[in-house]
Amino acid sequence: MTESETPRRPVVPAIRLPRRDRGDRPRRRWPRRAARGAVVIVAAVTAASFGYNLATGPATRPPGLRMLSAGGFDTRYRTWGTSGPPVVLVPGAFETADAFAALGTALGTDHRVFAIDLTGTGYSTPSPPYTAGHLADQLLAFLAAQGLTGANAPVLVGHSSGAAVAGIAAAHGRRYAAGLVFLDGDALPLGVPSALGWLLIPPYRTTILRLGLSSSWLIRRIYASQCGPACAPLTAAGVQTWRRPLQQPGFESAVTYTMRHGIPAMTTAEFSQLRSAAVPKRVISGVNDPQLSAAGAAQTAARIGAPRPTTIPGRHLTMISSPRQLTAAIDTFIRSISHP
């Protein structure tokens, strides 16, 4: 070997390491990316929800409302008629005294008619809790403040879930109720998924409610399904009559309570007390009411100690679809009380 020659190093075979599967890295990163994306989406939705809620806000009360403060309640009410036996109308869920405008006008020909907004729905000042018993306390306070007790006690007409409120009040006896009408209602509990009330947390709950109430189409659709073909479609002013009371402070908390505990209803003990009370009772319902079948109305009458139910044309909002027929049915009931 000459000095110019360089010695050759032995050739060592290269060790090939297994190549990493290119699909492994994205597969490991996907959960983290999804989590980060979810956080971003939730943050964006929450910010948008807060912004929407700040931009909208609750509605103001319209001017000229009649209010009465009694028993710790500030109750909004309406009246029709100036003479005759008194009648007090109690609204159901998502209803106010305005829902009785047609019936109040018809009844007001021969009766002194009152209708109230229950606290939590409408223009009465919010006063939780929104139990049937608490709402009945509001009704009893209103009756006492108006002098509608004793010989001047009215016939109580409770519509839908308002039947439970009127029923509990009537169970106190004839000092507060000359008679009782369950109108399109059975006063039984109607459960809702309890988890829904806990899942709809602020600010999303507020946003969902306000978005729903902002939809005139949705309000018209619900109204038409409950009122039926006998009712004219809601005008823009009619939509506002139903919408504005539900945009008042307190409605959101009332809805939340309903989602967690169900609509106002009577307990077994309260039904027993009502049945034993010496108060004449009637059940009146729409013949096509989707919420109270003929069998359900008959069972309700038996439960409260009333005779066979009276049916009139209409669905669930009979006070709007059939005010004349309903007035005739209530008049017949009142005459039977006056002249048994």
Protein backbone atom coordinates (compact mmCIF):
# COMPACT_ATOMS: atom_id res chain seq x y z
CA MET A 1 0.00 0.00 0.00
CA THR A 2 1.40 3.32 -0.98
CA GLU A 3 1.34 6.42 1.16
CA SER A 4 -1.06 8.10 -1.29
CA GLU A 5 -3.56 5.40 -0.89
CA THR A 6 -6.21 5.91 1.83
CA PRO A 7 -7.31 2.88 3.73
CA ARG A 8 -10.92 1.98 3.16
CA ARG A 9 -13.20 1.77 6.17
CA PRO A 10 -15.34 -1.28 6.46
CA VAL A 11 -18.82 -0.75 5.16
CA VAL A 12 -21.39 -1.01 7.96
CA PRO A 13 -24.93 -1.80 6.82
CA ALA A 14 -27.34 1.06 7.56
CA ILE A 15 -29.96 0.36 10.17
CA ARG A 16 -33.37 1.31 8.89
CA LEU A 17 -35.69 2.51 11.63
CA PRO A 18 -39.37 1.89 11.08
CA ARG A 19 -40.97 4.93 9.53
CA ARG A 20 -43.63 6.62 11.62
CA ASP A 21 -47.07 6.22 10.21
CA ARG A 22 -47.98 9.64 8.96
CA GLY A 23 -51.56 9.09 10.10
CA ASP A 24 -50.53 8.71 13.76
CA ARG A 25 -49.70 12.35 14.38
CA PRO A 26 -53.02 13.85 13.19
CA ARG A 27 -54.88 11.09 14.98
CA ARG A 28 -53.21 12.02 18.28
CA ARG A 29 -53.74 15.74 17.72
CA TRP A 30 -57.44 15.48 16.84
CA PRO A 31 -58.83 15.36 20.41
CA ARG A 32 -56.83 18.41 21.43
CA ARG A 33 -57.88 20.32 18.34
CA ALA A 34 -61.51 19.35 18.91
CA ALA A 35 -61.30 20.46 22.54
CA ARG A 36 -59.77 23.79 21.58
CA GLY A 37 -62.40 24.24 18.89
CA ALA A 38 -65.19 23.46 21.33
CA VAL A 39 -63.82 26.01 23.80
CA VAL A 40 -63.67 28.65 21.08
CA ILE A 41 -67.23 27.88 19.96
CA VAL A 42 -68.61 27.96 23.50
CA ALA A 43 -66.83 31.23 24.20
CA ALA A 44 -68.16 32.76 20.99
CA VAL A 45 -71.72 31.57 21.62
CA THR A 46 -71.60 32.80 25.22
CA ALA A 47 -70.29 36.20 24.15
CA ALA A 48 -72.97 36.44 21.47
CA SER A 49 -75.61 35.40 24.00
CA PHE A 50 -74.52 38.06 26.49
CA GLY A 51 -74.44 40.65 23.72
CA TYR A 52 -77.90 39.74 22.47
CA ASN A 53 -79.35 39.83 25.97
CA LEU A 54 -77.85 43.25 26.65
CA ALA A 55 -79.13 44.57 23.33
CA THR A 56 -82.71 43.34 23.80
CA GLY A 57 -83.68 43.55 27.47
CA PRO A 58 -87.16 43.18 28.99
CA ALA A 59 -90.11 45.18 27.68
CA THR A 60 -91.72 48.02 29.60
CA ARG A 61 -95.25 47.93 30.90
CA PRO A 62 -97.83 49.65 28.71
CA PRO A 63 -99.42 52.77 30.24
CA GLY A 64 -102.85 52.80 31.83
CA LEU A 65 -102.79 49.40 33.52
CA ARG A 66 -105.05 48.83 36.51
CA MET A 67 -103.02 47.58 39.47
CA LEU A 68 -104.03 46.53 42.96
CA SER A 69 -101.65 46.05 45.90
CA ALA A 70 -102.86 43.55 48.48
CA GLY A 71 -101.44 40.71 50.55
CA GLY A 72 -97.90 41.37 49.34
CA PHE A 73 -98.89 41.17 45.67
CA ASP A 74 -99.14 43.88 43.02
CA THR A 75 -101.79 42.46 40.72
CA ARG A 76 -102.76 43.75 37.32
CA TYR A 77 -106.43 43.27 36.49
CA ARG A 78 -109.18 44.14 34.01
CA THR A 79 -112.91 44.62 34.51
CA TRP A 80 -116.09 44.45 32.44
CA GLY A 81 -119.68 45.22 33.42
CA THR A 82 -121.02 47.20 36.36
CA SER A 83 -123.83 45.09 37.81
CA GLY A 84 -124.88 41.51 38.40
CA PRO A 85 -123.25 38.53 40.11
CA PRO A 86 -119.45 38.80 40.12
CA VAL A 87 -117.21 36.50 38.08
CA VAL A 88 -113.42 36.32 38.41
CA LEU A 89 -111.41 34.85 35.52
CA VAL A 90 -108.04 33.21 36.22
CA PRO A 91 -105.67 32.67 33.27
CA GLY A 92 -103.58 29.62 32.51
CA ALA A 93 -99.92 29.29 31.61
CA PHE A 94 -98.56 32.02 29.30
CA GLU A 95 -101.92 33.81 29.44
CA THR A 96 -102.99 37.12 30.93
CA ALA A 97 -106.23 38.96 31.63
CA ASP A 98 -106.15 40.08 28.00
CA ALA A 99 -106.94 36.54 26.87
CA PHE A 100 -110.42 37.03 28.38
CA ALA A 101 -111.27 40.21 26.47
CA ALA A 102 -114.00 38.63 24.31
CA LEU A 103 -115.46 36.57 27.17
CA GLY A 104 -115.33 39.51 29.59
CA THR A 105 -117.23 41.69 27.13
CA ALA A 106 -119.91 39.04 26.67
CA LEU A 107 -120.22 38.22 30.37
CA GLY A 108 -120.13 41.89 31.31
CA THR A 109 -123.64 42.39 29.95
CA ASP A 110 -125.13 40.74 33.05
CA HIS A 111 -122.20 40.38 35.44
CA ARG A 112 -119.38 42.25 37.11
CA VAL A 113 -116.36 40.54 35.58
CA PHE A 114 -112.75 40.66 36.76
CA ALA A 115 -109.66 39.05 35.22
CA ILE A 116 -106.16 39.06 36.70
CA ASP A 117 -102.58 38.48 35.64
CA LEU A 118 -100.98 35.82 37.80
CA THR A 119 -97.58 36.76 39.13
CA GLY A 120 -94.71 35.64 36.91
CA THR A 121 -96.74 35.90 33.71
CA GLY A 122 -97.98 39.26 32.51
CA TYR A 123 -97.92 42.65 34.16
CA SER A 124 -98.34 41.70 37.81
CA THR A 125 -95.14 42.29 39.78
CA PRO A 126 -93.07 39.07 40.02
CA SER A 127 -93.45 37.27 43.33
CA PRO A 128 -91.87 33.80 43.55
CA PRO A 129 -92.28 30.95 44.19
CA TYR A 130 -94.65 30.19 41.33
CA THR A 131 -96.47 27.32 42.99
CA ALA A 132 -100.21 26.81 42.65
CA GLY A 133 -100.61 27.56 46.36
CA HIS A 134 -98.72 30.85 46.09
CA LEU A 135 -100.74 31.90 43.07
CA ALA A 136 -103.93 30.99 44.95
CA ASP A 137 -102.77 33.29 47.76
CA GLN A 138 -102.54 36.08 45.19
CA LEU A 139 -106.08 35.35 44.01
CA LEU A 140 -107.43 35.27 47.58
CA ALA A 141 -105.69 38.58 48.38
CA PHE A 142 -107.26 40.13 45.28
CA LEU A 143 -110.74 38.88 46.25
CA ALA A 144 -110.42 40.26 49.77
CA ALA A 145 -109.15 43.65 48.58
CA GLN A 146 -112.00 43.96 46.07
CA GLY A 147 -114.60 43.01 48.63
CA LEU A 148 -115.45 39.86 46.69
CA THR A 149 -116.05 37.69 49.74
CA GLY A 150 -118.94 36.42 51.81
CA ALA A 151 -122.32 37.35 50.28
CA ASN A 152 -120.44 39.05 47.45
CA ALA A 153 -118.22 36.05 46.66
CA PRO A 154 -117.77 35.46 42.92
CA VAL A 155 -117.86 32.49 40.64
CA LEU A 156 -114.23 31.59 39.97
CA VAL A 157 -113.38 30.48 36.44
CA GLY A 158 -109.91 28.96 36.07
CA HIS A 159 -108.68 28.31 32.56
CA SER A 160 -106.20 25.50 31.82
CA SER A 161 -103.55 25.48 34.59
CA GLY A 162 -105.46 28.38 36.17
CA ALA A 163 -108.00 25.73 37.21
CA ALA A 164 -105.56 24.61 39.91
CA VAL A 165 -105.25 28.17 41.23
CA ALA A 166 -109.02 28.71 41.27
CA GLY A 167 -109.55 25.24 42.73
CA ILE A 168 -107.25 25.82 45.69
CA ALA A 169 -108.91 29.17 46.37
CA ALA A 170 -112.40 27.63 46.14
CA ALA A 171 -111.38 24.90 48.58
CA HIS A 172 -111.45 27.61 51.26
CA GLY A 173 -115.23 27.50 50.97
CA ARG A 174 -118.08 29.77 50.01
CA ARG A 175 -116.55 32.76 51.74
CA TYR A 176 -114.36 33.13 48.65
CA ALA A 177 -116.25 31.26 45.94
CA ALA A 178 -119.96 31.16 45.17
CA GLY A 179 -119.09 28.63 42.50
CA LEU A 180 -116.16 27.16 40.61
CA VAL A 181 -115.62 26.43 36.91
CA PHE A 182 -112.74 24.38 35.57
CA LEU A 183 -112.42 25.69 32.01
CA ASP A 184 -110.34 23.55 29.63
CA GLY A 185 -108.26 22.35 32.59
CA ASP A 186 -108.00 19.45 35.01
CA ALA A 187 -105.57 20.91 37.63
CA LEU A 188 -103.39 17.82 37.33
CA PRO A 189 -99.61 18.02 37.18
CA LEU A 190 -98.06 18.07 33.74
CA GLY A 191 -94.45 17.10 34.11
CA VAL A 192 -91.63 18.41 31.95
CA PRO A 193 -88.14 16.88 31.67
CA SER A 194 -86.55 18.12 34.89
CA ALA A 195 -83.09 18.19 33.32
CA LEU A 196 -84.28 20.81 30.85
CA GLY A 197 -84.69 23.41 33.57
CA TRP A 198 -81.16 22.81 34.83
CA LEU A 199 -79.54 22.64 31.39
CA LEU A 200 -81.03 25.93 30.20
CA ILE A 201 -78.75 28.09 32.30
CA PRO A 202 -78.00 31.79 31.92
CA PRO A 203 -77.24 33.41 29.60
CA TYR A 204 -78.51 30.84 27.08
CA ARG A 205 -81.93 30.52 28.72
CA THR A 206 -82.55 34.24 28.36
CA THR A 207 -81.41 34.20 24.75
CA ILE A 208 -83.57 31.21 23.80
CA LEU A 209 -86.68 32.74 25.40
CA ARG A 210 -86.14 36.11 23.77
CA LEU A 211 -85.45 34.59 20.38
CA GLY A 212 -88.62 32.52 20.64
CA LEU A 213 -90.72 35.51 21.65
CA SER A 214 -89.24 37.59 18.84
CA SER A 215 -90.70 35.17 16.27
CA SER A 216 -94.14 36.39 15.19
CA TRP A 217 -94.46 33.23 13.10
CA LEU A 218 -94.00 31.00 16.16
CA ILE A 219 -96.53 32.96 18.25
CA ARG A 220 -99.08 32.81 15.43
CA ARG A 221 -98.48 29.09 14.95
CA ILE A 222 -98.99 28.23 18.63
CA TYR A 223 -102.05 30.46 18.86
CA ALA A 224 -103.66 28.92 15.78
CA SER A 225 -103.06 25.37 17.01
CA GLN A 226 -104.68 26.10 20.39
CA CYS A 227 -107.50 28.36 19.23
CA GLY A 228 -108.57 26.48 16.10
CA PRO A 229 -110.20 27.49 12.81
CA ALA A 230 -112.94 29.52 14.52
CA CYS A 231 -110.31 32.11 15.52
CA ALA A 232 -109.11 34.71 13.07
CA PRO A 233 -105.33 34.79 12.52
CA LEU A 234 -103.46 37.10 14.82
CA THR A 235 -102.76 40.57 13.49
CA ALA A 236 -99.51 42.36 14.28
CA ALA A 237 -101.26 44.02 17.23
CA GLY A 238 -102.59 40.64 18.33
CA VAL A 239 -99.11 39.15 18.30
CA GLN A 240 -97.91 42.01 20.47
CA THR A 241 -100.79 41.44 22.91
CA TRP A 242 -99.48 37.93 23.54
CA ARG A 243 -95.78 38.76 23.29
CA ARG A 244 -95.35 41.85 25.43
CA PRO A 245 -96.63 40.37 28.72
CA LEU A 246 -94.12 37.52 28.32
CA GLN A 247 -91.28 40.00 27.91
CA GLN A 248 -91.76 41.39 31.41
CA PRO A 249 -89.27 40.89 34.27
CA GLY A 250 -90.07 37.72 36.14
CA PHE A 251 -91.33 35.64 33.24
CA GLU A 252 -87.96 33.97 32.76
CA SER A 253 -87.79 32.85 36.38
CA ALA A 254 -91.40 31.64 36.20
CA VAL A 255 -90.62 29.58 33.10
CA THR A 256 -87.52 28.16 34.77
CA TYR A 257 -89.59 27.15 37.79
CA THR A 258 -92.13 25.47 35.49
CA MET A 259 -89.39 23.58 33.66
CA ARG A 260 -88.04 22.24 36.93
CA HIS A 261 -91.28 21.56 38.79
CA GLY A 262 -94.07 21.40 36.19
CA ILE A 263 -97.13 23.61 35.71
CA PRO A 264 -99.24 24.71 38.70
CA ALA A 265 -101.31 21.75 39.87
CA MET A 266 -103.31 20.52 42.83
CA THR A 267 -102.18 17.80 45.17
CA THR A 268 -104.27 14.79 46.14
CA ALA A 269 -105.03 16.40 49.50
CA GLU A 270 -106.15 19.62 47.81
CA PHE A 271 -108.45 17.71 45.48
CA SER A 272 -109.96 15.99 48.49
CA GLN A 273 -110.47 19.32 50.25
CA LEU A 274 -112.08 20.82 47.15
CA ARG A 275 -114.41 17.88 46.68
CA SER A 276 -115.55 18.22 50.30
CA ALA A 277 -116.06 21.99 50.05
CA ALA A 278 -119.70 23.11 49.82
CA VAL A 279 -119.02 25.00 46.60
CA PRO A 280 -120.97 24.24 43.40
CA LYS A 281 -118.62 23.10 40.66
CA ARG A 282 -118.67 22.67 36.89
CA VAL A 283 -116.28 21.51 34.18
CA ILE A 284 -116.55 23.20 30.78
CA SER A 285 -114.30 22.25 27.87
CA GLY A 286 -113.90 22.60 24.14
CA VAL A 287 -115.19 19.62 22.24
CA ASN A 288 -111.94 19.43 20.27
CA ASP A 289 -109.55 20.44 23.04
CA PRO A 290 -106.23 18.66 22.36
CA GLN A 291 -105.21 19.02 26.01
CA LEU A 292 -108.38 17.78 27.70
CA SER A 293 -110.24 14.88 26.12
CA ALA A 294 -113.88 14.08 26.76
CA ALA A 295 -112.81 11.20 29.01
CA GLY A 296 -110.39 13.49 30.85
CA ALA A 297 -113.10 16.09 31.39
CA ALA A 298 -115.44 13.43 32.80
CA GLN A 299 -112.75 12.18 35.15
CA THR A 300 -112.06 15.75 36.27
CA ALA A 301 -115.74 16.34 37.03
CA ALA A 302 -115.87 13.18 39.12
CA ARG A 303 -112.64 14.11 40.89
CA ILE A 304 -113.90 17.51 42.08
CA GLY A 305 -117.52 16.48 42.73
CA ALA A 306 -119.11 18.17 39.73
CA PRO A 307 -121.88 16.88 37.43
CA ARG A 308 -121.20 15.75 33.89
CA PRO A 309 -119.03 18.20 31.93
CA THR A 310 -120.43 20.78 29.57
CA THR A 311 -118.84 20.88 26.12
CA ILE A 312 -118.84 23.84 23.78
CA PRO A 313 -117.33 24.37 20.30
CA GLY A 314 -113.62 25.01 20.17
CA ARG A 315 -110.22 23.71 21.11
CA HIS A 316 -108.22 24.89 24.11
CA LEU A 317 -108.87 28.66 23.97
CA THR A 318 -112.67 28.49 24.14
CA MET A 319 -112.89 31.94 25.77
CA ILE A 320 -111.58 33.32 22.46
CA SER A 321 -113.12 30.94 19.92
CA SER A 322 -116.56 30.59 21.53
CA PRO A 323 -117.25 33.51 23.92
CA ARG A 324 -121.01 33.50 23.35
CA GLN A 325 -121.39 29.76 23.93
CA LEU A 326 -119.13 29.92 26.96
CA THR A 327 -121.07 32.86 28.37
CA ALA A 328 -124.29 30.87 27.99
CA ALA A 329 -122.76 27.90 29.80
CA ILE A 330 -121.50 30.07 32.68
CA ASP A 331 -124.86 31.88 32.88
CA THR A 332 -126.65 28.54 33.13
CA PHE A 333 -124.34 27.52 35.96
CA ILE A 334 -124.86 30.80 37.84
CA ARG A 335 -128.64 30.54 37.52
CA SER A 336 -128.49 27.04 38.95
CA ILE A 337 -126.62 28.43 41.96
CA SER A 338 -129.11 31.25 42.45
CA HIS A 339 -132.15 29.02 41.96
CA PRO A 340 -131.17 25.46 42.89
